Amino acid sequence: MKHEAILEGHELLPRDPRVEAEFDVRVHCAAGDIDAQIVNLSSDGFRLRSENPLQVGWVVTLEAATQFPVKALICWACGTEAGGVFAEPVAL
């Protein structure tokens, strides 16, 4: 494993299963409102593609037509793809 030394002595917690998804959301963030699409999610987090890049550390609100607004934190970003964790677990 590439990062064995980093992980040595640390307990690995299993990650919640990810569900492939394809639905539109509006991301309310420091840069304004950005249209995006959720591509997968779990009860704890999500991965999305957006029209504009998001920044690591941004606290955002995700709003979909069928759900109430959900607060989240962007944990990683690469171009127009980003991933984050929900402020509170969500029911799938």
PDB file of N, CA and C in Angstrom:
ATOM      1  N   MET A   1       0.843  -1.177   0.000  1.00  0.00           N
ATOM      2  CA  MET A   1       0.000   0.000   0.000  1.00  0.00           C
ATOM      3  C   MET A   1       0.890   1.242   0.000  1.00  0.00           C
ATOM      4  N   LYS A   2       0.517   2.215  -0.768  1.00  0.00           N
ATOM      5  CA  LYS A   2       1.343   3.396  -0.959  1.00  0.00           C
ATOM      6  C   LYS A   2       1.552   4.202   0.321  1.00  0.00           C
ATOM      7  N   HIS A   3       0.544   4.285   1.168  1.00  0.00           N
ATOM      8  CA  HIS A   3       0.616   5.138   2.346  1.00  0.00           C
ATOM      9  C   HIS A   3       0.617   4.336   3.644  1.00  0.00           C
ATOM     10  N   GLU A   4       1.238   3.166   3.652  1.00  0.00           N
ATOM     11  CA  GLU A   4       1.237   2.315   4.836  1.00  0.00           C
ATOM     12  C   GLU A   4       1.822   3.023   6.056  1.00  0.00           C
ATOM     13  N   ALA A   5       2.903   3.760   5.878  1.00  0.00           N
ATOM     14  CA  ALA A   5       3.547   4.435   7.002  1.00  0.00           C
ATOM     15  C   ALA A   5       2.627   5.478   7.624  1.00  0.00           C
ATOM     16  N   ILE A   6       1.878   6.172   6.821  1.00  0.00           N
ATOM     17  CA  ILE A   6       0.960   7.192   7.328  1.00  0.00           C
ATOM     18  C   ILE A   6      -0.165   6.545   8.115  1.00  0.00           C
ATOM     19  N   LEU A   7      -0.656   5.387   7.640  1.00  0.00           N
ATOM     20  CA  LEU A   7      -1.800   4.735   8.249  1.00  0.00           C
ATOM     21  C   LEU A   7      -1.437   3.827   9.418  1.00  0.00           C
ATOM     22  N   GLU A   8      -0.175   3.518   9.581  1.00  0.00           N
ATOM     23  CA  GLU A   8       0.246   2.594  10.630  1.00  0.00           C
ATOM     24  C   GLU A   8      -0.185   3.107  12.002  1.00  0.00           C
ATOM     25  N   GLY A   9      -0.836   2.226  12.756  1.00  0.00           N
ATOM     26  CA  GLY A   9      -1.287   2.582  14.090  1.00  0.00           C
ATOM     27  C   GLY A   9      -2.622   3.301  14.133  1.00  0.00           C
ATOM     28  N   HIS A  10      -3.226   3.553  12.996  1.00  0.00           N
ATOM     29  CA  HIS A  10      -4.525   4.222  12.931  1.00  0.00           C
ATOM     30  C   HIS A  10      -5.600   3.214  12.545  1.00  0.00           C
ATOM     31  N   GLU A  11      -6.707   3.305  13.219  1.00  0.00           N
ATOM     32  CA  GLU A  11      -7.825   2.433  12.890  1.00  0.00           C
ATOM     33  C   GLU A  11      -8.562   3.009  11.683  1.00  0.00           C
ATOM     34  N   LEU A  12      -8.810   2.172  10.686  1.00  0.00           N
ATOM     35  CA  LEU A  12      -9.558   2.616   9.509  1.00  0.00           C
ATOM     36  C   LEU A  12     -11.037   2.330   9.729  1.00  0.00           C
ATOM     37  N   LEU A  13     -11.836   3.358   9.697  1.00  0.00           N
ATOM     38  CA  LEU A  13     -13.272   3.185   9.842  1.00  0.00           C
ATOM     39  C   LEU A  13     -13.884   2.964   8.471  1.00  0.00           C
ATOM     40  N   PRO A  14     -14.803   2.024   8.373  1.00  0.00           N
ATOM     41  CA  PRO A  14     -15.420   1.792   7.069  1.00  0.00           C
ATOM     42  C   PRO A  14     -16.232   3.010   6.630  1.00  0.00           C
ATOM     43  N   ARG A  15     -16.159   3.303   5.370  1.00  0.00           N
ATOM     44  CA  ARG A  15     -16.878   4.440   4.804  1.00  0.00           C
ATOM     45  C   ARG A  15     -18.293   3.989   4.448  1.00  0.00           C
ATOM     46  N   ASP A  16     -19.266   4.870   4.675  1.00  0.00           N
ATOM     47  CA  ASP A  16     -20.637   4.555   4.278  1.00  0.00           C
ATOM     48  C   ASP A  16     -20.680   4.275   2.785  1.00  0.00           C
ATOM     49  N   PRO A  17     -21.559   3.365   2.363  1.00  0.00           N
ATOM     50  CA  PRO A  17     -21.643   3.070   0.930  1.00  0.00           C
ATOM     51  C   PRO A  17     -22.034   4.310   0.128  1.00  0.00           C
ATOM     52  N   ARG A  18     -21.425   4.443  -1.031  1.00  0.00           N
ATOM     53  CA  ARG A  18     -21.741   5.549  -1.931  1.00  0.00           C
ATOM     54  C   ARG A  18     -22.802   5.087  -2.924  1.00  0.00           C
ATOM     55  N   VAL A  19     -23.702   5.984  -3.262  1.00  0.00           N
ATOM     56  CA  VAL A  19     -24.764   5.715  -4.222  1.00  0.00           C
ATOM     57  C   VAL A  19     -24.522   6.593  -5.439  1.00  0.00           C
ATOM     58  N   GLU A  20     -24.468   5.967  -6.607  1.00  0.00           N
ATOM     59  CA  GLU A  20     -24.341   6.759  -7.832  1.00  0.00           C
ATOM     60  C   GLU A  20     -25.606   7.599  -7.986  1.00  0.00           C
ATOM     61  N   ALA A  21     -25.451   8.820  -8.404  1.00  0.00           N
ATOM     62  CA  ALA A  21     -26.579   9.735  -8.522  1.00  0.00           C
ATOM     63  C   ALA A  21     -26.393  10.615  -9.746  1.00  0.00           C
ATOM     64  N   GLU A  22     -27.441  11.270 -10.110  1.00  0.00           N
ATOM     65  CA  GLU A  22     -27.387  12.217 -11.215  1.00  0.00           C
ATOM     66  C   GLU A  22     -28.555  13.178 -11.068  1.00  0.00           C
ATOM     67  N   PHE A  23     -28.339  14.194 -10.212  1.00  0.00           N
ATOM     68  CA  PHE A  23     -29.388  15.199 -10.087  1.00  0.00           C
ATOM     69  C   PHE A  23     -28.778  16.573  -9.873  1.00  0.00           C
ATOM     70  N   ASP A  24     -29.514  17.560 -10.332  1.00  0.00           N
ATOM     71  CA  ASP A  24     -29.045  18.942 -10.307  1.00  0.00           C
ATOM     72  C   ASP A  24     -29.243  19.570  -8.937  1.00  0.00           C
ATOM     73  N   VAL A  25     -28.286  20.393  -8.537  1.00  0.00           N
ATOM     74  CA  VAL A  25     -28.374  21.163  -7.296  1.00  0.00           C
ATOM     75  C   VAL A  25     -27.866  22.569  -7.560  1.00  0.00           C
ATOM     76  N   ARG A  26     -28.266  23.471  -6.718  1.00  0.00           N
ATOM     77  CA  ARG A  26     -27.710  24.819  -6.724  1.00  0.00           C
ATOM     78  C   ARG A  26     -26.824  24.908  -5.496  1.00  0.00           C
ATOM     79  N   VAL A  27     -25.590  25.361  -5.694  1.00  0.00           N
ATOM     80  CA  VAL A  27     -24.628  25.514  -4.606  1.00  0.00           C
ATOM     81  C   VAL A  27     -24.569  26.993  -4.247  1.00  0.00           C
ATOM     82  N   HIS A  28     -24.948  27.315  -3.020  1.00  0.00           N
ATOM     83  CA  HIS A  28     -24.836  28.684  -2.520  1.00  0.00           C
ATOM     84  C   HIS A  28     -23.508  28.746  -1.769  1.00  0.00           C
ATOM     85  N   CYS A  29     -22.597  29.620  -2.223  1.00  0.00           N
ATOM     86  CA  CYS A  29     -21.252  29.650  -1.638  1.00  0.00           C
ATOM     87  C   CYS A  29     -20.690  31.070  -1.677  1.00  0.00           C
ATOM     88  N   ALA A  30     -19.423  31.210  -1.267  1.00  0.00           N
ATOM     89  CA  ALA A  30     -18.760  32.520  -1.230  1.00  0.00           C
ATOM     90  C   ALA A  30     -18.708  33.181  -2.599  1.00  0.00           C
ATOM     91  N   ALA A  31     -18.720  32.382  -3.670  1.00  0.00           N
ATOM     92  CA  ALA A  31     -18.650  32.934  -5.024  1.00  0.00           C
ATOM     93  C   ALA A  31     -20.032  33.242  -5.596  1.00  0.00           C
ATOM     94  N   GLY A  32     -21.076  33.028  -4.821  1.00  0.00           N
ATOM     95  CA  GLY A  32     -22.438  33.239  -5.298  1.00  0.00           C
ATOM     96  C   GLY A  32     -23.144  31.910  -5.477  1.00  0.00           C
ATOM     97  N   ASP A  33     -24.107  31.875  -6.382  1.00  0.00           N
ATOM     98  CA  ASP A  33     -24.852  30.654  -6.667  1.00  0.00           C
ATOM     99  C   ASP A  33     -24.258  29.972  -7.891  1.00  0.00           C
ATOM    100  N   ILE A  34     -23.994  28.675  -7.766  1.00  0.00           N
ATOM    101  CA  ILE A  34     -23.374  27.906  -8.840  1.00  0.00           C
ATOM    102  C   ILE A  34     -24.232  26.682  -9.124  1.00  0.00           C
ATOM    103  N   ASP A  35     -24.528  26.439 -10.397  1.00  0.00           N
ATOM    104  CA  ASP A  35     -25.248  25.225 -10.778  1.00  0.00           C
ATOM    105  C   ASP A  35     -24.283  24.051 -10.766  1.00  0.00           C
ATOM    106  N   ALA A  36     -24.758  22.907 -10.259  1.00  0.00           N
ATOM    107  CA  ALA A  36     -23.907  21.726 -10.165  1.00  0.00           C
ATOM    108  C   ALA A  36     -24.761  20.469 -10.299  1.00  0.00           C
ATOM    109  N   GLN A  37     -24.074  19.339 -10.382  1.00  0.00           N
ATOM    110  CA  GLN A  37     -24.752  18.049 -10.448  1.00  0.00           C
ATOM    111  C   GLN A  37     -24.074  17.091  -9.469  1.00  0.00           C
ATOM    112  N   ILE A  38     -24.851  16.526  -8.563  1.00  0.00           N
ATOM    113  CA  ILE A  38     -24.349  15.498  -7.647  1.00  0.00           C
ATOM    114  C   ILE A  38     -24.128  14.235  -8.470  1.00  0.00           C
ATOM    115  N   VAL A  39     -22.938  13.626  -8.355  1.00  0.00           N
ATOM    116  CA  VAL A  39     -22.653  12.397  -9.115  1.00  0.00           C
ATOM    117  C   VAL A  39     -22.598  11.166  -8.219  1.00  0.00           C
ATOM    118  N   ASN A  40     -22.323  11.345  -6.928  1.00  0.00           N
ATOM    119  CA  ASN A  40     -22.510  10.258  -5.972  1.00  0.00           C
ATOM    120  C   ASN A  40     -22.617  10.841  -4.577  1.00  0.00           C
ATOM    121  N   LEU A  41     -23.222  10.072  -3.675  1.00  0.00           N
ATOM    122  CA  LEU A  41     -23.370  10.551  -2.321  1.00  0.00           C
ATOM    123  C   LEU A  41     -23.540   9.400  -1.349  1.00  0.00           C
ATOM    124  N   SER A  42     -23.320   9.704  -0.088  1.00  0.00           N
ATOM    125  CA  SER A  42     -23.564   8.791   1.021  1.00  0.00           C
ATOM    126  C   SER A  42     -24.285   9.609   2.082  1.00  0.00           C
ATOM    127  N   SER A  43     -24.565   9.003   3.212  1.00  0.00           N
ATOM    128  CA  SER A  43     -25.237   9.765   4.269  1.00  0.00           C
ATOM    129  C   SER A  43     -24.327  10.850   4.842  1.00  0.00           C
ATOM    130  N   ASP A  44     -23.009  10.706   4.651  1.00  0.00           N
ATOM    131  CA  ASP A  44     -22.058  11.670   5.206  1.00  0.00           C
ATOM    132  C   ASP A  44     -21.518  12.686   4.214  1.00  0.00           C
ATOM    133  N   GLY A  45     -21.508  12.353   2.913  1.00  0.00           N
ATOM    134  CA  GLY A  45     -20.865  13.252   1.970  1.00  0.00           C
ATOM    135  C   GLY A  45     -21.309  13.069   0.540  1.00  0.00           C
ATOM    136  N   PHE A  46     -20.613  13.751  -0.372  1.00  0.00           N
ATOM    137  CA  PHE A  46     -21.038  13.797  -1.768  1.00  0.00           C
ATOM    138  C   PHE A  46     -19.861  14.137  -2.670  1.00  0.00           C
ATOM    139  N   ARG A  47     -20.063  13.900  -3.954  1.00  0.00           N
ATOM    140  CA  ARG A  47     -19.147  14.347  -5.004  1.00  0.00           C
ATOM    141  C   ARG A  47     -20.003  15.050  -6.036  1.00  0.00           C
ATOM    142  N   LEU A  48     -19.526  16.174  -6.538  1.00  0.00           N
ATOM    143  CA  LEU A  48     -20.312  16.914  -7.522  1.00  0.00           C
ATOM    144  C   LEU A  48     -19.429  17.474  -8.623  1.00  0.00           C
ATOM    145  N   ARG A  49     -20.088  17.833  -9.710  1.00  0.00           N
ATOM    146  CA  ARG A  49     -19.463  18.571 -10.816  1.00  0.00           C
ATOM    147  C   ARG A  49     -20.204  19.896 -10.918  1.00  0.00           C
ATOM    148  N   SER A  50     -19.447  20.971 -11.052  1.00  0.00           N
ATOM    149  CA  SER A  50     -20.066  22.295 -11.073  1.00  0.00           C
ATOM    150  C   SER A  50     -19.627  23.090 -12.294  1.00  0.00           C
ATOM    151  N   GLU A  51     -20.381  24.149 -12.566  1.00  0.00           N
ATOM    152  CA  GLU A  51     -20.031  25.037 -13.682  1.00  0.00           C
ATOM    153  C   GLU A  51     -18.736  25.786 -13.395  1.00  0.00           C
ATOM    154  N   ASN A  52     -18.527  26.151 -12.141  1.00  0.00           N
ATOM    155  CA  ASN A  52     -17.344  26.903 -11.716  1.00  0.00           C
ATOM    156  C   ASN A  52     -16.636  26.133 -10.602  1.00  0.00           C
ATOM    157  N   PRO A  53     -15.330  26.291 -10.487  1.00  0.00           N
ATOM    158  CA  PRO A  53     -14.597  25.594  -9.420  1.00  0.00           C
ATOM    159  C   PRO A  53     -15.034  26.051  -8.028  1.00  0.00           C
ATOM    160  N   LEU A  54     -15.055  25.108  -7.094  1.00  0.00           N
ATOM    161  CA  LEU A  54     -15.303  25.403  -5.691  1.00  0.00           C
ATOM    162  C   LEU A  54     -13.969  25.363  -4.959  1.00  0.00           C
ATOM    163  N   GLN A  55     -13.904  25.936  -3.787  1.00  0.00           N
ATOM    164  CA  GLN A  55     -12.661  26.007  -3.023  1.00  0.00           C
ATOM    165  C   GLN A  55     -12.747  25.150  -1.764  1.00  0.00           C
ATOM    166  N   VAL A  56     -11.661  24.447  -1.466  1.00  0.00           N
ATOM    167  CA  VAL A  56     -11.570  23.670  -0.242  1.00  0.00           C
ATOM    168  C   VAL A  56     -11.763  24.607   0.947  1.00  0.00           C
ATOM    169  N   GLY A  57     -12.577  24.162   1.895  1.00  0.00           N
ATOM    170  CA  GLY A  57     -12.828  24.958   3.093  1.00  0.00           C
ATOM    171  C   GLY A  57     -14.083  25.802   3.039  1.00  0.00           C
ATOM    172  N   TRP A  58     -14.670  25.943   1.852  1.00  0.00           N
ATOM    173  CA  TRP A  58     -15.911  26.714   1.751  1.00  0.00           C
ATOM    174  C   TRP A  58     -17.041  25.989   2.465  1.00  0.00           C
ATOM    175  N   VAL A  59     -17.812  26.722   3.226  1.00  0.00           N
ATOM    176  CA  VAL A  59     -19.065  26.206   3.768  1.00  0.00           C
ATOM    177  C   VAL A  59     -20.122  26.567   2.735  1.00  0.00           C
ATOM    178  N   VAL A  60     -20.843  25.562   2.266  1.00  0.00           N
ATOM    179  CA  VAL A  60     -21.817  25.776   1.197  1.00  0.00           C
ATOM    180  C   VAL A  60     -23.188  25.285   1.646  1.00  0.00           C
ATOM    181  N   THR A  61     -24.188  25.686   0.903  1.00  0.00           N
ATOM    182  CA  THR A  61     -25.535  25.157   1.073  1.00  0.00           C
ATOM    183  C   THR A  61     -25.942  24.554  -0.257  1.00  0.00           C
ATOM    184  N   LEU A  62     -26.354  23.282  -0.223  1.00  0.00           N
ATOM    185  CA  LEU A  62     -26.820  22.598  -1.425  1.00  0.00           C
ATOM    186  C   LEU A  62     -28.335  22.625  -1.423  1.00  0.00           C
ATOM    187  N   GLU A  63     -28.897  23.000  -2.557  1.00  0.00           N
ATOM    188  CA  GLU A  63     -30.348  23.065  -2.651  1.00  0.00           C
ATOM    189  C   GLU A  63     -30.799  22.344  -3.922  1.00  0.00           C
ATOM    190  N   ALA A  64     -31.619  21.311  -3.730  1.00  0.00           N
ATOM    191  CA  ALA A  64     -32.197  20.563  -4.841  1.00  0.00           C
ATOM    192  C   ALA A  64     -33.697  20.809  -4.843  1.00  0.00           C
ATOM    193  N   ALA A  65     -34.324  20.593  -5.973  1.00  0.00           N
ATOM    194  CA  ALA A  65     -35.762  20.862  -6.102  1.00  0.00           C
ATOM    195  C   ALA A  65     -36.591  20.023  -5.133  1.00  0.00           C
ATOM    196  N   THR A  66     -36.132  18.802  -4.845  1.00  0.00           N
ATOM    197  CA  THR A  66     -36.938  17.900  -4.017  1.00  0.00           C
ATOM    198  C   THR A  66     -36.543  17.891  -2.548  1.00  0.00           C
ATOM    199  N   GLN A  67     -35.516  18.609  -2.169  1.00  0.00           N
ATOM    200  CA  GLN A  67     -35.027  18.586  -0.795  1.00  0.00           C
ATOM    201  C   GLN A  67     -34.876  19.998  -0.249  1.00  0.00           C
ATOM    202  N   PHE A  68     -34.898  20.096   1.051  1.00  0.00           N
ATOM    203  CA  PHE A  68     -34.629  21.359   1.727  1.00  0.00           C
ATOM    204  C   PHE A  68     -33.130  21.648   1.652  1.00  0.00           C
ATOM    205  N   PRO A  69     -32.708  22.886   1.864  1.00  0.00           N
ATOM    206  CA  PRO A  69     -31.279  23.212   1.808  1.00  0.00           C
ATOM    207  C   PRO A  69     -30.473  22.431   2.846  1.00  0.00           C
ATOM    208  N   VAL A  70     -29.270  21.994   2.442  1.00  0.00           N
ATOM    209  CA  VAL A  70     -28.400  21.204   3.309  1.00  0.00           C
ATOM    210  C   VAL A  70     -27.034  21.888   3.370  1.00  0.00           C
ATOM    211  N   LYS A  71     -26.535  22.141   4.572  1.00  0.00           N
ATOM    212  CA  LYS A  71     -25.206  22.745   4.735  1.00  0.00           C
ATOM    213  C   LYS A  71     -24.136  21.670   4.617  1.00  0.00           C
ATOM    214  N   ALA A  72     -22.991  22.072   4.038  1.00  0.00           N
ATOM    215  CA  ALA A  72     -21.884  21.140   3.835  1.00  0.00           C
ATOM    216  C   ALA A  72     -20.567  21.905   3.816  1.00  0.00           C
ATOM    217  N   LEU A  73     -19.465  21.145   3.911  1.00  0.00           N
ATOM    218  CA  LEU A  73     -18.121  21.697   3.855  1.00  0.00           C
ATOM    219  C   LEU A  73     -17.380  21.043   2.698  1.00  0.00           C
ATOM    220  N   ILE A  74     -16.788  21.843   1.813  1.00  0.00           N
ATOM    221  CA  ILE A  74     -16.018  21.304   0.694  1.00  0.00           C
ATOM    222  C   ILE A  74     -14.662  20.834   1.229  1.00  0.00           C
ATOM    223  N   CYS A  75     -14.369  19.537   1.033  1.00  0.00           N
ATOM    224  CA  CYS A  75     -13.133  18.930   1.568  1.00  0.00           C
ATOM    225  C   CYS A  75     -12.047  18.779   0.516  1.00  0.00           C
ATOM    226  N   TRP A  76     -12.429  18.625  -0.737  1.00  0.00           N
ATOM    227  CA  TRP A  76     -11.443  18.532  -1.811  1.00  0.00           C
ATOM    228  C   TRP A  76     -12.039  19.130  -3.070  1.00  0.00           C
ATOM    229  N   ALA A  77     -11.185  19.611  -3.937  1.00  0.00           N
ATOM    230  CA  ALA A  77     -11.621  20.184  -5.204  1.00  0.00           C
ATOM    231  C   ALA A  77     -10.531  19.981  -6.245  1.00  0.00           C
ATOM    232  N   CYS A  78     -10.960  19.665  -7.456  1.00  0.00           N
ATOM    233  CA  CYS A  78     -10.032  19.480  -8.571  1.00  0.00           C
ATOM    234  C   CYS A  78     -10.754  19.943  -9.830  1.00  0.00           C
ATOM    235  N   GLY A  79     -10.441  21.143 -10.268  1.00  0.00           N
ATOM    236  CA  GLY A  79     -11.136  21.697 -11.429  1.00  0.00           C
ATOM    237  C   GLY A  79     -12.601  21.929 -11.093  1.00  0.00           C
ATOM    238  N   THR A  80     -13.479  21.374 -11.919  1.00  0.00           N
ATOM    239  CA  THR A  80     -14.915  21.555 -11.698  1.00  0.00           C
ATOM    240  C   THR A  80     -15.533  20.402 -10.909  1.00  0.00           C
ATOM    241  N   GLU A  81     -14.711  19.528 -10.348  1.00  0.00           N
ATOM    242  CA  GLU A  81     -15.210  18.460  -9.478  1.00  0.00           C
ATOM    243  C   GLU A  81     -14.812  18.775  -8.050  1.00  0.00           C
ATOM    244  N   ALA A  82     -15.676  18.403  -7.106  1.00  0.00           N
ATOM    245  CA  ALA A  82     -15.397  18.646  -5.697  1.00  0.00           C
ATOM    246  C   ALA A  82     -16.132  17.623  -4.854  1.00  0.00           C
ATOM    247  N   GLY A  83     -15.668  17.468  -3.644  1.00  0.00           N
ATOM    248  CA  GLY A  83     -16.310  16.572  -2.701  1.00  0.00           C
ATOM    249  C   GLY A  83     -16.421  17.242  -1.355  1.00  0.00           C
ATOM    250  N   GLY A  84     -17.431  16.849  -0.621  1.00  0.00           N
ATOM    251  CA  GLY A  84     -17.620  17.465   0.680  1.00  0.00           C
ATOM    252  C   GLY A  84     -18.352  16.573   1.643  1.00  0.00           C
ATOM    253  N   VAL A  85     -18.467  17.059   2.858  1.00  0.00           N
ATOM    254  CA  VAL A  85     -19.198  16.353   3.914  1.00  0.00           C
ATOM    255  C   VAL A  85     -20.365  17.209   4.339  1.00  0.00           C
ATOM    256  N   PHE A  86     -21.457  16.535   4.669  1.00  0.00           N
ATOM    257  CA  PHE A  86     -22.639  17.231   5.162  1.00  0.00           C
ATOM    258  C   PHE A  86     -22.416  17.660   6.611  1.00  0.00           C
ATOM    259  N   ALA A  87     -22.972  18.803   6.989  1.00  0.00           N
ATOM    260  CA  ALA A  87     -22.874  19.269   8.373  1.00  0.00           C
ATOM    261  C   ALA A  87     -23.535  18.275   9.310  1.00  0.00           C
ATOM    262  N   GLU A  88     -24.611  17.641   8.859  1.00  0.00           N
ATOM    263  CA  GLU A  88     -25.299  16.603   9.593  1.00  0.00           C
ATOM    264  C   GLU A  88     -25.616  15.480   8.621  1.00  0.00           C
ATOM    265  N   PRO A  89     -25.590  14.212   9.081  1.00  0.00           N
ATOM    266  CA  PRO A  89     -25.909  13.106   8.178  1.00  0.00           C
ATOM    267  C   PRO A  89     -27.302  13.290   7.564  1.00  0.00           C
ATOM    268  N   VAL A  90     -27.439  12.870   6.313  1.00  0.00           N
ATOM    269  CA  VAL A  90     -28.719  12.973   5.626  1.00  0.00           C
ATOM    270  C   VAL A  90     -29.259  11.576   5.330  1.00  0.00           C
ATOM    271  N   ALA A  91     -30.568  11.480   5.246  1.00  0.00           N
ATOM    272  CA  ALA A  91     -31.209  10.214   4.888  1.00  0.00           C
ATOM    273  C   ALA A  91     -31.234  10.106   3.372  1.00  0.00           C
ATOM    274  N   LEU A  92     -30.840   8.960   2.865  1.00  0.00           N
ATOM    275  CA  LEU A  92     -30.826   8.770   1.404  1.00  0.00           C
ATOM    276  C   LEU A  92     -32.147   8.230   0.917  1.00  0.00           C
TER     277      LEU A  92
END
